[in-house]
């Protein structure tokens, strides 16, 4: 199992920037992908950005050109640099790890960090 510890959320004005961090602990070798999801009130959780161990990256259309996902393998940490933030980016952001144990795939989640974009 992988434990994910997030940090970096907060309140920011429209157009501002924030960087989220997520440190992975535990069965690091089982991780095949890391990413960020978000869930706004009354909405389903959605993928924001993901990065595989091969370095393949995927972004939601709504954040392309504004958000950047990266990972530091030495620190077992994934980052989400969020620029040009909009009020519609307001949500709880969750770090996610896709792991493999045996022949099974699993999803591990962080506790979530609130991002609020408002004047």
C-alpha atoms as a PDB file:
ATOM      1  CA  UNK A   1       0.000   0.000   0.000  1.00  0.00           C
ATOM      2  CA  UNK A   2       1.093   3.569  -0.693  1.00  0.00           C
ATOM      3  CA  UNK A   3       0.476   6.520   1.606  1.00  0.00           C
ATOM      4  CA  UNK A   4       0.135   9.920  -0.026  1.00  0.00           C
ATOM      5  CA  UNK A   5       0.673  13.177   1.874  1.00  0.00           C
ATOM      6  CA  UNK A   6      -0.438  16.367   0.129  1.00  0.00           C
ATOM      7  CA  UNK A   7       0.415  19.977   0.808  1.00  0.00           C
ATOM      8  CA  UNK A   8       0.181  23.362  -0.861  1.00  0.00           C
ATOM      9  CA  UNK A   9      -3.513  24.184  -1.103  1.00  0.00           C
ATOM     10  CA  UNK A  10      -5.007  27.487  -0.060  1.00  0.00           C
ATOM     11  CA  UNK A  11      -6.814  30.633  -1.116  1.00  0.00           C
ATOM     12  CA  UNK A  12      -5.644  32.514  -4.189  1.00  0.00           C
ATOM     13  CA  UNK A  13      -7.038  35.295  -6.336  1.00  0.00           C
ATOM     14  CA  UNK A  14      -8.061  34.665  -9.961  1.00  0.00           C
ATOM     15  CA  UNK A  15      -5.020  34.659 -12.194  1.00  0.00           C
ATOM     16  CA  UNK A  16      -2.768  33.563  -9.356  1.00  0.00           C
ATOM     17  CA  UNK A  17      -0.646  30.459  -8.923  1.00  0.00           C
ATOM     18  CA  UNK A  18      -0.301  27.619  -6.454  1.00  0.00           C
ATOM     19  CA  UNK A  19       1.888  24.540  -6.314  1.00  0.00           C
ATOM     20  CA  UNK A  20       0.624  21.310  -4.831  1.00  0.00           C
ATOM     21  CA  UNK A  21       2.992  18.625  -3.579  1.00  0.00           C
ATOM     22  CA  UNK A  22       2.335  14.975  -2.849  1.00  0.00           C
ATOM     23  CA  UNK A  23       4.890  12.753  -1.147  1.00  0.00           C
ATOM     24  CA  UNK A  24       4.483   9.014  -1.593  1.00  0.00           C
ATOM     25  CA  UNK A  25       5.517   6.592   1.126  1.00  0.00           C
ATOM     26  CA  UNK A  26       5.347   2.850   1.543  1.00  0.00           C
ATOM     27  CA  UNK A  27       5.391   0.453  -1.398  1.00  0.00           C
ATOM     28  CA  UNK A  28       6.976   2.901  -3.839  1.00  0.00           C
ATOM     29  CA  UNK A  29       8.040   0.166  -6.247  1.00  0.00           C
ATOM     30  CA  UNK A  30       4.393  -0.762  -6.801  1.00  0.00           C
ATOM     31  CA  UNK A  31       3.532   2.663  -8.263  1.00  0.00           C
ATOM     32  CA  UNK A  32       2.879   2.733 -12.002  1.00  0.00           C
ATOM     33  CA  UNK A  33       1.364   6.202 -12.136  1.00  0.00           C
ATOM     34  CA  UNK A  34       0.755   9.302 -10.044  1.00  0.00           C
ATOM     35  CA  UNK A  35      -1.713  12.066 -10.579  1.00  0.00           C
ATOM     36  CA  UNK A  36      -4.091  14.684  -9.306  1.00  0.00           C
ATOM     37  CA  UNK A  37      -7.871  14.587  -9.235  1.00  0.00           C
ATOM     38  CA  UNK A  38     -10.268  17.244  -8.012  1.00  0.00           C
ATOM     39  CA  UNK A  39     -13.814  17.342  -6.738  1.00  0.00           C
ATOM     40  CA  UNK A  40     -15.919  20.473  -6.574  1.00  0.00           C
ATOM     41  CA  UNK A  41     -19.099  20.635  -4.469  1.00  0.00           C
ATOM     42  CA  UNK A  42     -21.922  18.753  -6.152  1.00  0.00           C
ATOM     43  CA  UNK A  43     -19.666  17.393  -8.875  1.00  0.00           C
ATOM     44  CA  UNK A  44     -17.924  14.107  -9.552  1.00  0.00           C
ATOM     45  CA  UNK A  45     -14.249  13.651  -8.945  1.00  0.00           C
ATOM     46  CA  UNK A  46     -12.326  14.283 -12.155  1.00  0.00           C
ATOM     47  CA  UNK A  47      -8.794  13.728 -13.403  1.00  0.00           C
ATOM     48  CA  UNK A  48      -6.713  16.902 -13.542  1.00  0.00           C
ATOM     49  CA  UNK A  49      -3.328  15.529 -14.568  1.00  0.00           C
ATOM     50  CA  UNK A  50      -1.423  12.263 -14.445  1.00  0.00           C
ATOM     51  CA  UNK A  51       2.113  11.049 -15.049  1.00  0.00           C
ATOM     52  CA  UNK A  52       3.260   7.463 -15.472  1.00  0.00           C
ATOM     53  CA  UNK A  53       6.560   5.954 -14.411  1.00  0.00           C
ATOM     54  CA  UNK A  54       7.567   6.137 -18.093  1.00  0.00           C
ATOM     55  CA  UNK A  55       6.950   9.880 -18.044  1.00  0.00           C
ATOM     56  CA  UNK A  56       3.777   9.861 -20.124  1.00  0.00           C
ATOM     57  CA  UNK A  57       1.617  12.847 -19.130  1.00  0.00           C
ATOM     58  CA  UNK A  58      -2.079  13.528 -19.517  1.00  0.00           C
ATOM     59  CA  UNK A  59      -4.076  16.666 -18.705  1.00  0.00           C
ATOM     60  CA  UNK A  60      -7.744  17.489 -18.533  1.00  0.00           C
ATOM     61  CA  UNK A  61      -8.679  19.816 -21.398  1.00  0.00           C
ATOM     62  CA  UNK A  62      -9.772  22.464 -18.904  1.00  0.00           C
ATOM     63  CA  UNK A  63      -6.256  22.837 -17.463  1.00  0.00           C
ATOM     64  CA  UNK A  64      -4.052  22.363 -20.538  1.00  0.00           C
ATOM     65  CA  UNK A  65      -1.652  25.270 -20.931  1.00  0.00           C
ATOM     66  CA  UNK A  66      -2.170  26.378 -17.324  1.00  0.00           C
ATOM     67  CA  UNK A  67      -1.200  23.429 -15.113  1.00  0.00           C
ATOM     68  CA  UNK A  68       2.033  21.444 -15.143  1.00  0.00           C
ATOM     69  CA  UNK A  69       2.539  18.059 -13.502  1.00  0.00           C
ATOM     70  CA  UNK A  70       6.019  16.839 -12.640  1.00  0.00           C
ATOM     71  CA  UNK A  71       7.673  14.275 -10.408  1.00  0.00           C
ATOM     72  CA  UNK A  72      10.905  14.001  -8.478  1.00  0.00           C
ATOM     73  CA  UNK A  73      11.737  10.321  -8.355  1.00  0.00           C
ATOM     74  CA  UNK A  74      14.487  10.821  -5.787  1.00  0.00           C
ATOM     75  CA  UNK A  75      11.967  12.340  -3.381  1.00  0.00           C
ATOM     76  CA  UNK A  76       9.035  10.128  -4.441  1.00  0.00           C
ATOM     77  CA  UNK A  77       7.065  13.334  -4.864  1.00  0.00           C
ATOM     78  CA  UNK A  78       4.678  14.573  -7.539  1.00  0.00           C
ATOM     79  CA  UNK A  79       3.897  18.244  -8.037  1.00  0.00           C
ATOM     80  CA  UNK A  80       1.109  20.189  -9.673  1.00  0.00           C
ATOM     81  CA  UNK A  81       2.018  23.738 -10.672  1.00  0.00           C
ATOM     82  CA  UNK A  82      -1.209  25.634 -11.219  1.00  0.00           C
ATOM     83  CA  UNK A  83      -1.031  28.946 -13.067  1.00  0.00           C
ATOM     84  CA  UNK A  84      -3.734  31.266 -14.320  1.00  0.00           C
ATOM     85  CA  UNK A  85      -6.154  29.950 -11.734  1.00  0.00           C
ATOM     86  CA  UNK A  86      -9.860  30.509 -12.310  1.00  0.00           C
ATOM     87  CA  UNK A  87     -12.800  30.384  -9.889  1.00  0.00           C
ATOM     88  CA  UNK A  88     -13.911  27.162 -11.584  1.00  0.00           C
ATOM     89  CA  UNK A  89     -10.674  25.524 -10.428  1.00  0.00           C
ATOM     90  CA  UNK A  90     -11.984  25.715  -6.869  1.00  0.00           C
ATOM     91  CA  UNK A  91     -12.170  22.166  -5.508  1.00  0.00           C
ATOM     92  CA  UNK A  92     -10.621  19.666  -3.165  1.00  0.00           C
ATOM     93  CA  UNK A  93      -7.556  18.285  -4.924  1.00  0.00           C
ATOM     94  CA  UNK A  94      -6.600  14.673  -4.287  1.00  0.00           C
ATOM     95  CA  UNK A  95      -3.304  12.995  -4.993  1.00  0.00           C
ATOM     96  CA  UNK A  96      -3.714   9.576  -6.592  1.00  0.00           C
ATOM     97  CA  UNK A  97      -1.423   6.611  -7.099  1.00  0.00           C
ATOM     98  CA  UNK A  98      -2.117   3.707  -9.401  1.00  0.00           C
ATOM     99  CA  UNK A  99      -0.337   0.701  -7.974  1.00  0.00           C
ATOM    100  CA  UNK A 100       0.089  -2.911  -8.890  1.00  0.00           C
ATOM    101  CA  UNK A 101       0.241  -5.756  -6.410  1.00  0.00           C
ATOM    102  CA  UNK A 102       0.462  -9.151  -7.963  1.00  0.00           C
ATOM    103  CA  UNK A 103      -1.798  -9.079 -11.006  1.00  0.00           C
ATOM    104  CA  UNK A 104      -4.196  -6.564  -9.493  1.00  0.00           C
ATOM    105  CA  UNK A 105      -4.348  -2.792  -9.954  1.00  0.00           C
ATOM    106  CA  UNK A 106      -5.208  -0.561  -7.013  1.00  0.00           C
ATOM    107  CA  UNK A 107      -5.995   3.090  -6.401  1.00  0.00           C
ATOM    108  CA  UNK A 108      -4.515   4.873  -3.399  1.00  0.00           C
ATOM    109  CA  UNK A 109      -5.623   8.370  -2.424  1.00  0.00           C
ATOM    110  CA  UNK A 110      -4.356  11.248  -0.348  1.00  0.00           C
ATOM    111  CA  UNK A 111      -6.527  13.050   2.168  1.00  0.00           C
ATOM    112  CA  UNK A 112      -7.199  15.982  -0.148  1.00  0.00           C
ATOM    113  CA  UNK A 113      -6.230  19.636  -0.033  1.00  0.00           C
ATOM    114  CA  UNK A 114      -8.601  22.557  -0.580  1.00  0.00           C
ATOM    115  CA  UNK A 115      -7.907  25.028  -3.381  1.00  0.00           C
ATOM    116  CA  UNK A 116     -10.104  28.113  -3.436  1.00  0.00           C
ATOM    117  CA  UNK A 117      -9.871  30.708  -6.209  1.00  0.00           C
ATOM    118  CA  UNK A 118     -11.740  33.840  -5.239  1.00  0.00           C
ATOM    119  CA  UNK A 119     -11.477  37.585  -4.802  1.00  0.00           C
END
